[in-house]
C-alpha cells in the first residue's frame, strides 16, 4: 500500500492517557471506582497500572494509612507511573507479570484490572492470581471491551462488518473477553455481584480514528488481504467526511472474594 491511513500509531502511554481523559473514559472509570468501595487504610492493587493514570485517585481513596500497589510488566510504563506518584506516600510500583503477581497471598483488600485482560496470554490464569492475592471479603473490579460489538456506521456496512471481524480475529488477542468476565471471575472463585455495560459513543472522526485505530487497522486488513484496498479507502474517506458514529460494548464486573 502506498501510504498509511489515518492517525499514526501513538505512544502507548499517551494513547492510554487520552482514552482515560475522554468523556466516556472518565464516566466508566468513576463508576468502576465508586463500585469498588475503597475505604481508608485498605491495600489496593492496580493490576496492569500502565502509566499510573488511576494511582493518584486510588491513593486518595485509600488515605494516609492505606497502600496502593501498581503492577506492570513494561518498564517505560512504570517510569511514567513513578513520575506521576513520586510525591504520594503509600504508593508502591512493582515490575511483574500478571500471570505471576508480585504480591503476597491474601494481602489485598481491593483490586482492579482495567482493559488489560484483552491483551494477556491467559485471562483465566490472571484472575486466578488475583484470587490468590486477595483476602476473604475483598472486592475486585474488572472492565474490558467486547470488540465483537464494534459498530461503525457507514453506507458500506459490509466493509464496516469486515473491519470489525478483522479487529476481533487478528488485532486484539482476547477481543471478546468483556462478555466472558463474569464467567471467568466465577470460575476463579469470586462471587459476582454486579455486571454492567456501557456503550461509548464516538461522533468525532478524528477522536475515533485515534482511539479505535480505524486507519491503522484498516491498513493492516488491506495488507493482509482481508479488505480490498480501493473499497477500504472509499469506506475510510466516507467516514472522514462525516457525519460519523461508532460504538462498542464495555463490560464492568464487580465481584467479591
Protein backbone atom coordinates (compact mmCIF):
# COMPACT_ATOMS: atom_id res chain seq x y z
CA UNK A 1 0.00 0.00 0.00
CA UNK A 2 1.29 3.42 -0.83
CA UNK A 3 0.53 5.28 2.42
CA UNK A 4 -0.69 4.70 5.94
CA UNK A 5 -4.30 5.59 6.56
CA UNK A 6 -5.44 7.76 9.46
CA UNK A 7 -3.56 8.84 12.55
CA UNK A 8 -0.09 7.36 13.08
CA UNK A 9 0.40 4.77 15.80
CA UNK A 10 0.55 6.72 19.09
CA UNK A 11 2.88 6.21 22.01
CA UNK A 12 1.16 3.58 24.15
CA UNK A 13 1.20 5.63 27.32
CA UNK A 14 -0.15 8.70 25.51
CA UNK A 15 -2.88 6.54 23.99
CA UNK A 16 -3.95 5.23 27.41
CA UNK A 17 -3.93 8.68 28.98
CA UNK A 18 -6.00 10.19 26.16
CA UNK A 19 -8.53 7.34 26.30
CA UNK A 20 -8.89 7.76 30.07
CA UNK A 21 -9.31 11.53 29.78
CA UNK A 22 -12.17 11.38 27.29
CA UNK A 23 -15.79 11.75 28.38
CA UNK A 24 -16.54 8.03 28.01
CA UNK A 25 -13.32 7.06 29.79
CA UNK A 26 -13.99 9.34 32.75
CA UNK A 27 -17.56 8.09 33.13
CA UNK A 28 -16.87 4.36 33.29
CA UNK A 29 -13.74 4.82 35.44
CA UNK A 30 -15.67 6.86 38.00
CA UNK A 31 -18.40 4.23 38.11
CA UNK A 32 -15.83 1.44 38.47
CA UNK A 33 -14.08 3.18 41.38
CA UNK A 34 -17.37 4.02 43.09
CA UNK A 35 -18.44 0.37 42.95
CA UNK A 36 -15.03 -0.80 44.18
CA UNK A 37 -15.84 0.92 47.51
CA UNK A 38 -12.27 1.64 48.57
CA UNK A 39 -12.00 2.57 52.25
CA UNK A 40 -9.25 4.41 54.12
CA UNK A 41 -6.47 2.14 55.32
CA UNK A 42 -7.04 -0.61 52.75
CA UNK A 43 -4.48 -2.21 50.45
CA UNK A 44 -5.46 -1.59 46.84
CA UNK A 45 -3.97 -3.33 43.80
CA UNK A 46 -3.98 -1.85 40.30
CA UNK A 47 -3.01 -4.86 38.17
CA UNK A 48 -1.70 -3.55 34.87
CA UNK A 49 -1.42 0.03 36.06
CA UNK A 50 0.17 1.31 32.84
CA UNK A 51 1.38 4.92 33.15
CA UNK A 52 -0.35 5.23 36.52
CA UNK A 53 -3.46 7.08 35.36
CA UNK A 54 -5.59 5.86 38.26
CA UNK A 55 -2.97 5.60 41.01
CA UNK A 56 -3.41 9.13 42.47
CA UNK A 57 -7.18 8.63 42.72
CA UNK A 58 -6.72 5.22 44.35
CA UNK A 59 -4.22 6.69 46.79
CA UNK A 60 -6.65 9.47 47.74
CA UNK A 61 -9.37 6.92 48.45
CA UNK A 62 -7.08 4.62 50.47
CA UNK A 63 -5.88 7.56 52.53
CA UNK A 64 -2.72 8.17 54.50
CA UNK A 65 -2.91 4.79 56.22
CA UNK A 66 -3.63 2.82 53.06
CA UNK A 67 -1.34 1.21 50.50
CA UNK A 68 -1.70 1.27 46.73
CA UNK A 69 0.29 -1.22 44.65
CA UNK A 70 0.68 -0.68 40.93
CA UNK A 71 1.96 -3.63 38.89
CA UNK A 72 3.01 -3.54 35.25
CA UNK A 73 5.44 -5.53 33.09
CA UNK A 74 6.56 -2.56 30.96
CA UNK A 75 9.49 -0.53 32.38
CA UNK A 76 8.51 2.50 30.28
CA UNK A 77 5.00 2.47 31.75
CA UNK A 78 6.39 2.16 35.27
CA UNK A 79 8.74 5.09 34.65
CA UNK A 80 5.78 7.28 33.75
CA UNK A 81 3.76 5.97 36.69
CA UNK A 82 6.70 6.71 39.02
CA UNK A 83 6.77 10.32 37.92
CA UNK A 84 3.04 10.58 38.49
CA UNK A 85 3.10 9.22 42.07
CA UNK A 86 6.60 10.17 43.20
CA UNK A 87 5.30 12.59 45.83
CA UNK A 88 2.48 10.34 47.07
CA UNK A 89 3.09 8.30 50.24
CA UNK A 90 1.81 4.75 50.38
CA UNK A 91 2.09 4.05 46.64
CA UNK A 92 4.32 1.17 45.56
CA UNK A 93 5.23 0.29 41.99
CA UNK A 94 6.29 -3.26 41.15
CA UNK A 95 7.51 -4.74 37.89
CA UNK A 96 5.88 -8.05 37.19
CA UNK A 97 3.81 -10.32 35.00
CA UNK A 98 0.12 -10.52 35.92
CA UNK A 99 0.36 -14.29 35.45
CA UNK A 100 2.70 -14.30 38.48
CA UNK A 101 1.64 -11.30 40.54
CA UNK A 102 4.44 -9.92 42.76
CA UNK A 103 2.01 -9.60 45.67
CA UNK A 104 1.83 -11.64 48.89
CA UNK A 105 -1.09 -14.09 49.01
CA UNK A 106 -4.12 -12.79 50.87
CA UNK A 107 -2.75 -9.27 51.24
CA UNK A 108 -5.10 -7.20 49.07
CA UNK A 109 -8.46 -5.66 50.08
CA UNK A 110 -9.42 -4.09 46.75
CA UNK A 111 -8.17 -4.77 43.22
CA UNK A 112 -8.88 -3.59 39.71
CA UNK A 113 -7.95 -4.75 36.23
CA UNK A 114 -8.95 -2.23 33.59
CA UNK A 115 -8.69 -3.04 29.86
CA UNK A 116 -5.73 -5.37 30.41
CA UNK A 117 -7.16 -8.89 30.17
CA UNK A 118 -7.79 -8.39 26.46
CA UNK A 119 -4.00 -8.33 25.98
CA UNK A 120 -2.72 -11.10 28.30
CA UNK A 121 -1.87 -14.66 27.28
CA UNK A 122 -4.30 -16.32 29.72
CA UNK A 123 -7.06 -14.20 31.32
CA UNK A 124 -8.24 -17.11 33.49
CA UNK A 125 -4.76 -17.57 34.94
CA UNK A 126 -4.51 -13.85 35.72
CA UNK A 127 -7.81 -13.96 37.59
CA UNK A 128 -6.54 -17.00 39.47
CA UNK A 129 -3.56 -14.93 40.56
CA UNK A 130 -5.91 -12.14 41.61
CA UNK A 131 -7.89 -14.58 43.73
CA UNK A 132 -4.67 -15.73 45.40
CA UNK A 133 -3.60 -12.14 46.13
CA UNK A 134 -6.90 -11.03 47.66
CA UNK A 135 -8.12 -11.77 51.17
CA UNK A 136 -11.59 -13.08 52.15
CA UNK A 137 -14.12 -10.25 51.99
CA UNK A 138 -12.13 -8.37 49.36
CA UNK A 139 -13.67 -6.72 46.33
CA UNK A 140 -12.48 -6.58 42.73
CA UNK A 141 -13.45 -4.55 39.68
CA UNK A 142 -12.86 -5.69 36.11
CA UNK A 143 -13.52 -3.70 32.93
CA UNK A 144 -12.99 -4.92 29.37
CA UNK A 145 -14.40 -4.15 25.92
CA UNK A 146 -16.09 -6.66 23.66
CA UNK A 147 -14.67 -5.76 20.27
CA UNK A 148 -17.06 -8.13 18.52
CA UNK A 149 -19.69 -5.47 19.17
CA UNK A 150 -17.77 -2.66 17.46
CA UNK A 151 -20.28 -0.92 15.19
CA UNK A 152 -19.16 1.73 12.71
CA UNK A 153 -21.94 3.44 10.79
CA UNK A 154 -21.41 3.70 7.03
CA UNK A 155 -23.31 3.37 3.79
CA UNK A 156 -20.94 0.48 3.08
CA UNK A 157 -21.90 -1.73 6.03
CA UNK A 158 -20.17 -4.76 4.51
CA UNK A 159 -16.80 -3.06 4.94
CA UNK A 160 -17.73 -1.94 8.47
CA UNK A 161 -18.51 -5.56 9.33
CA UNK A 162 -15.32 -6.78 7.68
CA UNK A 163 -13.36 -4.23 9.70
CA UNK A 164 -14.93 -5.43 12.96
CA UNK A 165 -14.28 -9.07 12.08
CA UNK A 166 -10.63 -8.30 11.32
CA UNK A 167 -10.24 -6.37 14.58
CA UNK A 168 -11.72 -9.27 16.53
CA UNK A 169 -9.85 -12.08 14.81
CA UNK A 170 -6.46 -10.55 14.06
CA UNK A 171 -5.80 -7.37 16.06
CA UNK A 172 -6.84 -7.91 19.70
CA UNK A 173 -5.62 -11.05 21.44
CA UNK A 174 -8.72 -11.62 23.60
CA UNK A 175 -11.17 -9.45 21.72
CA UNK A 176 -14.36 -10.80 23.33
CA UNK A 177 -13.14 -11.16 26.92
CA UNK A 178 -15.62 -8.49 28.03
CA UNK A 179 -18.57 -10.85 27.62
CA UNK A 180 -16.67 -13.57 29.48
CA UNK A 181 -15.67 -11.54 32.55
CA UNK A 182 -18.47 -12.73 34.85
CA UNK A 183 -17.93 -16.39 33.96
CA UNK A 184 -14.16 -16.16 34.32
CA UNK A 185 -14.47 -14.38 37.68
CA UNK A 186 -16.82 -17.07 38.99
CA UNK A 187 -14.50 -19.84 37.78
CA UNK A 188 -11.59 -18.13 39.57
CA UNK A 189 -13.50 -18.35 42.86
CA UNK A 190 -15.06 -14.90 43.10
CA UNK A 191 -18.75 -14.17 43.66
CA UNK A 192 -20.07 -11.80 41.02
CA UNK A 193 -22.23 -9.02 42.47
CA UNK A 194 -22.72 -6.64 39.56
CA UNK A 195 -22.40 -6.77 35.78
CA UNK A 196 -22.79 -3.50 33.91
CA UNK A 197 -22.42 -2.47 30.30
CA UNK A 198 -21.73 0.87 28.69
CA UNK A 199 -21.63 1.85 25.05
CA UNK A 200 -19.13 4.69 24.49
CA UNK A 201 -20.29 6.87 21.60
CA UNK A 202 -17.89 8.41 19.10
CA UNK A 203 -19.20 11.27 16.98
CA UNK A 204 -15.86 12.86 16.16
CA UNK A 205 -14.00 11.04 13.40
CA UNK A 206 -10.52 12.14 14.48
CA UNK A 207 -11.12 11.01 18.05
CA UNK A 208 -12.45 7.67 16.84
CA UNK A 209 -9.55 7.21 14.44
CA UNK A 210 -7.13 7.69 17.34
CA UNK A 211 -8.98 5.54 19.89
CA UNK A 212 -10.32 2.79 17.64
CA UNK A 213 -7.33 2.73 15.28
CA UNK A 214 -9.61 2.91 12.26
CA UNK A 215 -6.96 3.87 9.73
CA UNK A 216 -4.13 1.82 11.24
CA UNK A 217 -6.16 -1.37 11.43
CA UNK A 218 -7.71 -0.82 8.01
CA UNK A 219 -4.17 -0.53 6.64
CA UNK A 220 -3.32 -3.88 8.25
CA UNK A 221 -6.52 -5.50 6.99
CA UNK A 222 -5.73 -4.38 3.43
CA UNK A 223 -2.14 -5.65 3.67
CA UNK A 224 -3.47 -8.98 4.98
CA UNK A 225 -5.86 -9.30 2.04
CA UNK A 226 -8.93 -9.10 4.26
CA UNK A 227 -10.30 -5.91 2.74
CA UNK A 228 -9.72 -4.87 -0.87
CA UNK A 229 -7.72 -1.62 -0.99
CA UNK A 230 -9.99 0.51 -3.19
CA UNK A 231 -13.06 -0.50 -1.19
CA UNK A 232 -11.26 0.16 2.10
CA UNK A 233 -10.08 3.60 1.02
CA UNK A 234 -13.56 4.59 -0.15
CA UNK A 235 -15.00 3.46 3.18
CA UNK A 236 -12.39 5.39 5.17
CA UNK A 237 -12.82 8.55 3.09
CA UNK A 238 -16.59 8.45 3.57
CA UNK A 239 -16.14 8.08 7.34
CA UNK A 240 -13.83 11.09 7.42
CA UNK A 241 -16.37 13.23 5.55
CA UNK A 242 -18.99 12.51 8.23
CA UNK A 243 -21.40 12.63 9.90
CA UNK A 244 -19.69 9.94 11.98
CA UNK A 245 -20.93 7.43 14.53
CA UNK A 246 -19.30 4.40 16.15
CA UNK A 247 -19.74 2.49 19.38
CA UNK A 248 -18.84 -0.75 21.16
CA UNK A 249 -19.77 -2.51 24.41
CA UNK A 250 -17.66 -2.06 27.54
CA UNK A 251 -18.37 -4.56 30.34
CA UNK A 252 -17.69 -3.90 34.02
CA UNK A 253 -17.84 -6.69 36.62
CA UNK A 254 -17.76 -6.20 40.39
CA UNK A 255 -17.08 -9.32 42.43
CA UNK A 256 -16.17 -10.34 45.98
CA UNK A 257 -13.84 -12.99 47.39
